[in-house]
Amino acid sequence: MHNRDWLDRSRAAVWHPCTQMKQHEADVLPLVPVARGEGAWLYDYEGRRYLDAISSWWVNLFGHANPRINAAIKDQLERLEHVILAGFTHAPVVELSERLATLTRNALGHCFYASDGSSAVEIALKMSFHYWRNNGRAEKNRFVSVAGSYHGETLGTLSVGDVALYKDAYAPLLRQATAVPSPDARAAKPGETATDVAARAAAALETYLAEFHESLAAFIVEPLVQGAGGMAMHDPHYLRLARALCDRYGVHLICDEIMVGFGRTGTLFAYEQAGIRPDFLCLSKGLTGGYLPLSVVMTTDEVYATFYDDLVTRGFLHSHSYTGNPLACRAALATLAIFAEDDVLARNRRFAKRFCVLLAPLAKHPLVRHLRTCGMIWALDVDTQDPGFRLRFYREALSREVLLRPLGTTVYFMPPYILDEEEAALLAERTLAALDAACA
């Protein structure tokens, strides 16, 4: 079949996510039918290719159709595809839980699984509240987050998020949380460093915690990079200060590493760069290398022990049908094996240094502001008030074999960890060309 056949059928039957469908119908927003993937590339039904520079919504770490992850899933498929995790267990979920705990140096020794990032954040919010309830502090039932933060699309996660585009329409349904100032380094005043901005934002957090900690269950943060809010990057000093403040005022710290976990910021987990540990760690996206839906909330022995009781009602009675799916767990174990066997973090550091050099011409573009990087994430802001910029840039990049989806006027790169020199150069050069065309 040709592209047009699949486009017509998809528009007639599929409601695509995060999309105004009328834009697809009018071809304002091109709908790309993907026939197959290989490495960093996606191919349509007529042979055109697209460099997946956003890792298919930040999930694909080691390329499409990765042979090692493929092999693990095929092997597991011959053994066990799925089993209820309530009252049953299986080797992949046990081994994955042990492995993840080891990667946190056993600071977070218990894993609770779901299928996606929003579900993981919902679980962490519920666990935090229930912890305080089990300890006779049911009044601690509110949350505080960071301005511009994004934590998911379910009602609970929208409540603690702060991106109006996703949140405002559902405001009557939400339990409102408070957002404190962001430590976004772009907010630096003349003479200030990113560390100064972090300290200033932490001071605002302290003011809020000092007044309201008696009713607060947790503070939730995206460590180092706030994703959907515009790739706002902050100094690790903010996390150190936040951890100390949460300890002082008796408030949990939830690290939402759905996007930034598994090497995106340069370390396996972003919180490591601050030398701290959270009370709850939310992981998904790259956990399975972009293969299968899986998320996990990791927490401490102390939290776990608060639910461990003869009373059923003190337990965490939350569930998902596909919790701990064996196929997804095997994909995750294969992904973690690649990290260990290939010294991925060291390879990423070398790549990041080289890609920064390749982006130098883009940094000199007269409309580019705040080119910034954190590990394997790069972002820049385009100085334009044109509301059509985002879609026009997207189309121009696609026409040059590059998949990039700007967040408003913020263009970002979050490629798979397998790009070679030629692909990296192509990405940098064609992004510059697409920007010139979009701004012409």
Protein backbone atom coordinates (compact mmCIF):
# COMPACT_ATOMS: atom_id res chain seq x y z
CA MET A 1 0.00 0.00 0.00
CA HIS A 2 1.03 3.61 -0.55
CA ASN A 3 1.29 6.42 1.99
CA ARG A 4 -2.01 7.96 0.89
CA ASP A 5 -3.93 4.75 1.63
CA TRP A 6 -2.72 4.66 5.23
CA LEU A 7 -3.21 8.41 5.68
CA ASP A 8 -6.85 8.20 4.61
CA ARG A 9 -7.55 5.19 6.80
CA SER A 10 -5.80 6.70 9.81
CA ARG A 11 -7.65 10.00 9.56
CA ALA A 12 -10.94 8.11 9.32
CA ALA A 13 -10.39 5.81 12.31
CA VAL A 14 -7.60 7.01 14.62
CA TRP A 15 -7.79 9.91 17.07
CA HIS A 16 -4.13 10.91 17.35
CA PRO A 17 -2.68 12.20 20.64
CA CYS A 18 -1.80 15.80 21.43
CA THR A 19 -3.28 16.87 18.08
CA GLN A 20 -5.95 19.10 16.64
CA MET A 21 -7.14 16.54 14.10
CA LYS A 22 -8.41 19.16 11.66
CA GLN A 23 -4.79 20.15 11.04
CA HIS A 24 -4.15 16.62 9.78
CA GLU A 25 -7.18 16.70 7.54
CA ALA A 26 -6.04 19.96 5.95
CA ASP A 27 -2.39 18.79 5.77
CA VAL A 28 -1.40 21.80 7.88
CA LEU A 29 0.26 19.22 10.12
CA PRO A 30 1.62 16.37 7.97
CA LEU A 31 0.65 12.88 9.08
CA VAL A 32 3.53 10.51 8.35
CA PRO A 33 2.77 6.80 7.87
CA VAL A 34 5.69 4.73 9.18
CA ALA A 35 6.34 1.35 7.61
CA ARG A 36 9.46 0.40 9.55
CA GLY A 37 12.31 1.70 11.67
CA GLU A 38 16.01 0.96 11.62
CA GLY A 39 18.56 2.56 13.90
CA ALA A 40 17.88 6.28 14.18
CA TRP A 41 15.70 6.32 11.06
CA LEU A 42 12.00 5.92 10.33
CA TYR A 43 10.83 4.93 6.83
CA ASP A 44 7.45 5.53 5.20
CA TYR A 45 5.69 3.25 2.72
CA GLU A 46 7.27 4.95 -0.27
CA GLY A 47 10.86 4.79 0.94
CA ARG A 48 11.27 8.27 2.37
CA ARG A 49 13.24 8.39 5.59
CA TYR A 50 13.21 10.63 8.67
CA LEU A 51 15.94 10.99 11.30
CA ASP A 52 14.20 10.46 14.66
CA ALA A 53 15.83 13.37 16.47
CA ILE A 54 13.33 13.26 19.35
CA SER A 55 13.57 9.51 20.03
CA SER A 56 9.86 9.05 19.25
CA TRP A 57 8.68 11.25 22.12
CA TRP A 58 11.82 10.70 24.20
CA VAL A 59 11.55 6.92 24.57
CA ASN A 60 13.91 5.31 22.04
CA LEU A 61 17.44 5.06 23.41
CA PHE A 62 19.24 2.54 21.22
CA GLY A 63 17.54 2.79 17.87
CA HIS A 64 14.55 1.19 16.22
CA ALA A 65 14.59 -2.59 15.74
CA ASN A 66 17.56 -2.96 18.07
CA PRO A 67 18.71 -6.59 17.66
CA ARG A 68 19.58 -7.14 21.33
CA ILE A 69 16.26 -5.88 22.66
CA ASN A 70 14.46 -7.74 19.88
CA ALA A 71 16.14 -10.98 20.91
CA ALA A 72 15.20 -10.56 24.57
CA ILE A 73 11.54 -9.98 23.75
CA LYS A 74 11.43 -12.92 21.35
CA ASP A 75 12.95 -15.20 23.97
CA GLN A 76 10.46 -14.06 26.61
CA LEU A 77 7.55 -14.45 24.17
CA GLU A 78 8.24 -18.20 24.04
CA ARG A 79 8.09 -18.43 27.85
CA LEU A 80 5.45 -16.11 29.31
CA GLU A 81 3.66 -13.16 27.72
CA HIS A 82 1.73 -11.93 30.77
CA VAL A 83 0.41 -12.93 34.17
CA ILE A 84 -1.46 -11.07 36.88
CA LEU A 85 1.05 -9.58 39.34
CA ALA A 86 -1.38 -9.63 42.26
CA GLY A 87 -0.61 -12.91 44.01
CA PHE A 88 1.87 -14.02 41.32
CA THR A 89 5.40 -13.11 40.33
CA HIS A 90 7.89 -13.99 37.60
CA ALA A 91 11.61 -13.84 36.91
CA PRO A 92 11.71 -10.69 34.70
CA VAL A 93 9.92 -8.47 37.22
CA VAL A 94 12.03 -9.77 40.12
CA GLU A 95 15.29 -9.35 38.23
CA LEU A 96 14.35 -5.90 36.98
CA SER A 97 13.38 -4.73 40.47
CA GLU A 98 16.65 -6.02 41.90
CA ARG A 99 18.64 -4.38 39.12
CA LEU A 100 16.93 -1.01 39.51
CA ALA A 101 17.43 -1.07 43.28
CA THR A 102 21.13 -1.78 42.76
CA LEU A 103 21.38 1.19 40.39
CA THR A 104 20.10 3.44 43.20
CA ARG A 105 22.66 1.86 45.56
CA ASN A 106 19.65 0.32 47.29
CA ALA A 107 18.52 3.73 48.54
CA LEU A 108 15.25 3.03 46.73
CA GLY A 109 14.66 -0.65 47.28
CA HIS A 110 11.01 -1.19 46.32
CA CYS A 111 9.42 -0.99 42.87
CA PHE A 112 5.75 -0.51 42.00
CA TYR A 113 4.96 -0.90 38.29
CA ALA A 114 2.46 0.66 35.89
CA SER A 115 2.32 1.28 32.16
CA ASP A 116 3.10 4.96 31.52
CA GLY A 117 4.59 8.09 33.03
CA SER A 118 1.32 9.71 34.07
CA SER A 119 0.35 6.55 35.94
CA ALA A 120 3.70 6.50 37.71
CA VAL A 121 3.29 10.08 38.91
CA GLU A 122 -0.28 9.34 40.05
CA ILE A 123 1.07 6.41 42.05
CA ALA A 124 3.74 8.54 43.71
CA LEU A 125 1.20 11.20 44.66
CA LYS A 126 -1.16 8.60 46.13
CA MET A 127 1.66 6.82 47.95
CA SER A 128 2.87 10.05 49.52
CA PHE A 129 -0.61 11.00 50.76
CA HIS A 130 -1.30 7.46 51.98
CA TYR A 131 2.04 7.37 53.81
CA TRP A 132 1.05 10.42 55.83
CA ARG A 133 -2.46 9.03 56.37
CA ASN A 134 -1.03 5.77 57.69
CA ASN A 135 1.06 7.86 60.08
CA GLY A 136 -1.95 9.74 61.41
CA ARG A 137 -1.33 12.86 59.31
CA ALA A 138 -4.20 12.79 56.84
CA GLU A 139 -4.21 16.59 56.76
CA LYS A 140 -0.98 16.41 54.71
CA ASN A 141 -2.86 16.02 51.43
CA ARG A 142 -1.64 18.85 49.21
CA PHE A 143 1.25 19.15 46.76
CA VAL A 144 3.61 21.82 45.54
CA SER A 145 5.37 21.84 42.18
CA VAL A 146 7.49 24.14 40.00
CA ALA A 147 6.20 26.84 37.66
CA GLY A 148 6.16 25.57 34.09
CA SER A 149 6.31 21.93 35.18
CA TYR A 150 4.69 19.04 33.35
CA HIS A 151 3.91 15.70 34.98
CA GLY A 152 1.31 14.04 32.76
CA GLU A 153 -2.22 14.17 31.38
CA THR A 154 -4.35 12.38 33.98
CA LEU A 155 -6.34 14.51 36.41
CA GLY A 156 -3.94 14.05 39.31
CA THR A 157 -0.86 14.79 37.22
CA LEU A 158 -2.49 17.80 35.54
CA SER A 159 -3.22 19.11 39.03
CA VAL A 160 0.48 19.27 39.85
CA GLY A 161 1.49 20.46 36.38
CA ASP A 162 1.71 24.06 35.23
CA VAL A 163 1.45 24.14 31.43
CA ALA A 164 -1.71 26.02 30.52
CA LEU A 165 -2.07 24.43 27.07
CA TYR A 166 -2.75 21.05 28.65
CA LYS A 167 -4.31 22.11 31.93
CA ASP A 168 -6.67 25.05 31.49
CA ALA A 169 -9.53 23.23 29.72
CA TYR A 170 -9.82 20.77 32.61
CA ALA A 171 -9.40 23.26 35.47
CA PRO A 172 -12.89 22.58 36.92
CA LEU A 173 -11.97 18.91 37.34
CA LEU A 174 -8.61 19.45 39.04
CA ARG A 175 -7.51 19.58 42.65
CA GLN A 176 -5.31 22.64 42.52
CA ALA A 177 -1.69 22.55 43.64
CA THR A 178 0.66 25.49 44.10
CA ALA A 179 3.58 26.22 41.76
CA VAL A 180 6.66 27.92 43.18
CA PRO A 181 9.14 29.84 40.97
CA SER A 182 11.22 27.80 38.54
CA PRO A 183 15.02 27.61 38.86
CA ASP A 184 15.23 28.00 35.05
CA ALA A 185 18.74 29.29 34.38
CA ARG A 186 17.42 31.59 31.62
CA ALA A 187 15.95 33.76 34.40
CA ALA A 188 19.42 34.88 35.49
CA LYS A 189 19.66 38.59 36.18
CA PRO A 190 22.77 40.54 35.11
CA GLY A 191 25.73 39.15 37.01
CA GLU A 192 23.87 36.05 38.22
CA THR A 193 24.91 32.46 37.55
CA ALA A 194 22.67 29.40 37.17
CA THR A 195 23.58 28.55 40.75
CA ASP A 196 22.35 31.96 41.88
CA VAL A 197 19.03 31.41 40.12
CA ALA A 198 18.76 28.00 41.79
CA ALA A 199 19.35 29.53 45.21
CA ARG A 200 16.79 32.28 44.57
CA ALA A 201 14.15 29.75 43.50
CA ALA A 202 14.93 27.56 46.50
CA ALA A 203 14.43 30.55 48.78
CA ALA A 204 10.92 30.94 47.37
CA LEU A 205 10.30 27.24 47.98
CA GLU A 206 11.46 27.65 51.57
CA THR A 207 9.07 30.54 52.12
CA TYR A 208 6.18 28.42 50.89
CA LEU A 209 7.15 25.31 52.87
CA ALA A 210 7.62 27.32 56.06
CA GLU A 211 4.02 28.51 55.87
CA PHE A 212 2.21 25.48 54.51
CA HIS A 213 4.25 22.35 55.35
CA GLU A 214 1.67 21.10 57.85
CA SER A 215 -0.76 20.47 54.97
CA LEU A 216 1.78 19.39 52.33
CA ALA A 217 2.43 15.77 51.42
CA ALA A 218 5.16 16.28 48.81
CA PHE A 219 7.12 18.56 46.54
CA ILE A 220 7.39 17.22 42.97
CA VAL A 221 10.10 18.29 40.54
CA GLU A 222 11.54 17.39 37.14
CA PRO A 223 15.26 17.15 37.98
CA LEU A 224 17.61 19.33 35.89
CA VAL A 225 15.31 19.74 32.87
CA GLN A 226 11.63 20.75 32.74
CA GLY A 227 10.54 19.07 29.52
CA ALA A 228 7.18 20.02 28.03
CA GLY A 229 7.39 23.40 29.74
CA GLY A 230 10.09 24.44 27.27
CA MET A 231 13.23 22.45 28.14
CA ALA A 232 14.03 24.77 31.05
CA MET A 233 17.34 23.69 32.57
CA HIS A 234 18.56 24.33 36.10
CA ASP A 235 21.63 23.83 38.23
CA PRO A 236 21.80 20.70 40.45
CA HIS A 237 22.20 23.03 43.43
CA TYR A 238 18.44 23.51 43.38
CA LEU A 239 17.88 19.81 44.04
CA ARG A 240 20.33 19.84 46.95
CA LEU A 241 18.56 22.77 48.53
CA ALA A 242 15.13 21.28 47.86
CA ARG A 243 16.12 17.99 49.48
CA ALA A 244 17.34 19.79 52.60
CA LEU A 245 14.16 21.87 52.77
CA CYS A 246 11.91 18.83 52.39
CA ASP A 247 13.79 17.14 55.21
CA ARG A 248 13.54 20.22 57.43
CA TYR A 249 9.81 20.68 56.93
CA GLY A 250 8.72 17.04 56.77
CA VAL A 251 7.64 16.95 53.12
CA HIS A 252 8.35 14.17 50.62
CA LEU A 253 10.50 14.83 47.56
CA ILE A 254 9.17 13.24 44.35
CA CYS A 255 11.60 13.21 41.43
CA ASP A 256 9.74 12.86 38.14
CA GLU A 257 12.44 11.41 35.90
CA ILE A 258 10.04 10.12 33.25
CA MET A 259 11.90 12.16 30.62
CA VAL A 260 15.34 12.71 32.16
CA GLY A 261 16.07 9.22 33.49
CA PHE A 262 18.33 6.62 31.89
CA GLY A 263 21.22 8.79 30.79
CA ARG A 264 19.43 11.78 29.27
CA THR A 265 21.14 14.32 31.51
CA GLY A 266 24.58 12.69 31.51
CA THR A 267 24.14 10.41 34.53
CA LEU A 268 21.88 7.38 34.69
CA PHE A 269 19.47 9.28 36.94
CA ALA A 270 19.40 13.07 36.99
CA TYR A 271 19.15 13.34 40.78
CA GLU A 272 22.60 11.75 41.10
CA GLN A 273 24.20 15.00 39.93
CA ALA A 274 22.98 16.67 43.11
CA GLY A 275 24.28 13.91 45.40
CA ILE A 276 20.82 13.33 46.89
CA ARG A 277 18.12 10.70 46.81
CA PRO A 278 14.37 11.32 46.49
CA ASP A 279 11.64 9.68 48.52
CA PHE A 280 9.92 8.65 45.29
CA LEU A 281 11.49 8.21 41.85
CA CYS A 282 9.20 8.01 38.80
CA LEU A 283 10.63 6.30 35.69
CA SER A 284 9.24 5.35 32.29
CA LYS A 285 9.97 6.28 28.61
CA GLY A 286 13.57 5.04 28.15
CA LEU A 287 13.07 2.25 30.69
CA THR A 288 12.32 -0.28 27.93
CA GLY A 289 14.44 1.39 25.29
CA GLY A 290 11.27 2.65 23.63
CA TYR A 291 9.83 -0.80 23.01
CA LEU A 292 6.91 -1.45 25.34
CA PRO A 293 4.81 0.54 27.82
CA LEU A 294 6.26 0.28 31.32
CA SER A 295 6.71 2.65 34.24
CA VAL A 296 7.86 2.27 37.79
CA VAL A 297 7.79 4.15 41.06
CA MET A 298 10.75 3.42 43.30
CA THR A 299 10.67 4.29 46.97
CA THR A 300 12.45 3.79 50.27
CA ASP A 301 12.26 1.04 52.86
CA GLU A 302 10.71 3.56 55.25
CA VAL A 303 7.81 4.30 52.93
CA TYR A 304 7.31 0.62 52.16
CA ALA A 305 7.26 -0.28 55.85
CA THR A 306 4.47 2.19 56.54
CA PHE A 307 2.15 0.17 54.29
CA TYR A 308 3.30 -3.25 55.60
CA ASP A 309 0.59 -4.22 58.10
CA ASP A 310 -2.08 -6.75 59.02
CA LEU A 311 -4.77 -4.26 58.04
CA VAL A 312 -5.64 -4.49 54.36
CA THR A 313 -6.68 -0.83 54.28
CA ARG A 314 -3.15 0.24 55.21
CA GLY A 315 -1.85 -1.48 52.07
CA PHE A 316 -1.45 0.27 48.72
CA LEU A 317 -4.50 -1.02 46.87
CA HIS A 318 -3.62 0.41 43.48
CA SER A 319 -3.46 -1.74 40.36
CA HIS A 320 -3.09 -1.83 36.59
CA SER A 321 -3.99 -4.82 34.42
CA TYR A 322 -0.57 -5.02 32.78
CA THR A 323 1.51 -4.19 35.86
CA GLY A 324 4.96 -5.74 35.60
CA ASN A 325 4.33 -7.26 32.15
CA PRO A 326 7.05 -9.88 31.51
CA LEU A 327 7.72 -8.79 27.91
CA ALA A 328 8.18 -5.17 28.97
CA CYS A 329 10.40 -6.20 31.89
CA ARG A 330 12.62 -8.24 29.56
CA ALA A 331 12.92 -5.25 27.24
CA ALA A 332 13.94 -3.14 30.24
CA LEU A 333 16.52 -5.70 31.36
CA ALA A 334 17.98 -5.78 27.85
CA THR A 335 18.13 -1.98 27.85
CA LEU A 336 19.97 -1.90 31.18
CA ALA A 337 22.36 -4.59 29.90
CA ILE A 338 23.28 -2.37 26.95
CA PHE A 339 24.08 0.46 29.37
CA ALA A 340 26.39 -1.81 31.35
CA GLU A 341 28.06 -3.66 28.48
CA ASP A 342 28.62 -0.72 26.12
CA ASP A 343 29.60 1.98 28.65
CA VAL A 344 26.85 4.11 27.17
CA LEU A 345 27.27 7.08 29.50
CA ALA A 346 30.91 7.52 28.48
CA ARG A 347 29.98 7.25 24.80
CA ASN A 348 27.24 9.84 25.32
CA ARG A 349 29.69 12.28 26.88
CA ARG A 350 31.93 12.03 23.81
CA PHE A 351 28.99 12.44 21.45
CA ALA A 352 27.61 15.44 23.36
CA LYS A 353 30.92 17.25 23.15
CA ARG A 354 31.09 16.69 19.40
CA PHE A 355 27.46 17.62 18.76
CA CYS A 356 27.93 20.93 20.60
CA VAL A 357 30.66 21.75 18.07
CA LEU A 358 28.36 20.83 15.18
CA LEU A 359 25.65 23.11 16.58
CA ALA A 360 27.97 26.17 16.66
CA PRO A 361 26.64 27.59 13.35
CA LEU A 362 23.08 27.24 14.64
CA ALA A 363 24.03 29.12 17.82
CA LYS A 364 25.13 32.08 15.64
CA HIS A 365 21.77 32.34 13.88
CA PRO A 366 20.40 35.88 14.45
CA LEU A 367 17.10 34.56 15.84
CA VAL A 368 18.51 31.89 18.16
CA ARG A 369 18.57 32.57 21.89
CA HIS A 370 19.69 30.50 24.87
CA LEU A 371 21.25 27.49 23.15
CA ARG A 372 21.62 25.15 26.10
CA THR A 373 22.52 21.55 26.81
CA CYS A 374 22.25 18.97 29.57
CA GLY A 375 23.72 15.58 28.75
CA MET A 376 21.91 14.28 25.66
CA ILE A 377 19.38 17.12 25.52
CA TRP A 378 19.88 20.30 23.53
CA ALA A 379 17.44 23.19 23.21
CA LEU A 380 17.26 26.69 21.81
CA ASP A 381 14.66 29.44 21.70
CA VAL A 382 13.73 31.19 18.46
CA ASP A 383 13.09 34.91 18.80
CA THR A 384 9.80 35.14 16.92
CA GLN A 385 6.23 36.12 17.71
CA ASP A 386 4.89 34.27 14.67
CA PRO A 387 2.21 31.80 15.87
CA GLY A 388 2.77 29.72 12.73
CA PHE A 389 6.45 29.12 13.41
CA ARG A 390 6.08 25.76 15.15
CA LEU A 391 4.17 24.00 12.39
CA ARG A 392 6.17 25.66 9.62
CA PHE A 393 9.47 24.57 11.17
CA TYR A 394 8.12 21.05 11.68
CA ARG A 395 7.19 20.82 7.98
CA GLU A 396 10.50 22.28 6.83
CA ALA A 397 12.45 19.80 8.98
CA LEU A 398 10.39 16.85 7.69
CA SER A 399 11.04 17.92 4.11
CA ARG A 400 14.76 17.65 4.95
CA GLU A 401 14.46 14.12 6.44
CA VAL A 402 14.49 15.28 10.06
CA LEU A 403 11.83 14.69 12.73
CA LEU A 404 11.77 17.60 15.19
CA ARG A 405 8.71 18.82 17.12
CA PRO A 406 9.22 22.31 18.60
CA LEU A 407 7.61 23.21 21.91
CA GLY A 408 6.19 26.55 20.82
CA THR A 409 9.27 28.51 19.77
CA THR A 410 11.66 26.15 21.56
CA VAL A 411 13.47 23.75 19.23
CA TYR A 412 15.06 20.81 20.99
CA PHE A 413 17.09 17.70 20.16
CA MET A 414 16.76 14.46 22.10
CA PRO A 415 18.20 11.86 19.72
CA PRO A 416 18.80 8.15 20.29
CA TYR A 417 22.18 7.35 21.79
CA ILE A 418 23.40 5.65 18.60
CA LEU A 419 23.84 8.56 16.18
CA ASP A 420 27.11 8.39 14.25
CA GLU A 421 29.20 11.34 13.06
CA GLU A 422 27.51 11.53 9.66
CA GLU A 423 24.01 11.47 11.15
CA ALA A 424 24.93 14.09 13.76
CA ALA A 425 26.33 16.40 11.08
CA LEU A 426 23.23 15.90 8.92
CA LEU A 427 20.99 16.74 11.87
CA ALA A 428 22.85 19.96 12.68
CA GLU A 429 23.09 21.15 9.07
CA ARG A 430 19.50 20.42 8.11
CA THR A 431 18.11 21.94 11.30
CA LEU A 432 19.84 25.18 10.40
CA ALA A 433 18.44 24.99 6.88
CA ALA A 434 14.93 24.29 8.20
CA LEU A 435 15.20 27.22 10.59
CA ASP A 436 16.23 29.57 7.78
CA ALA A 437 13.32 28.36 5.65
CA ALA A 438 10.79 28.59 8.49
CA CYS A 439 11.83 32.14 9.33
CA ALA A 440 12.08 33.38 5.74
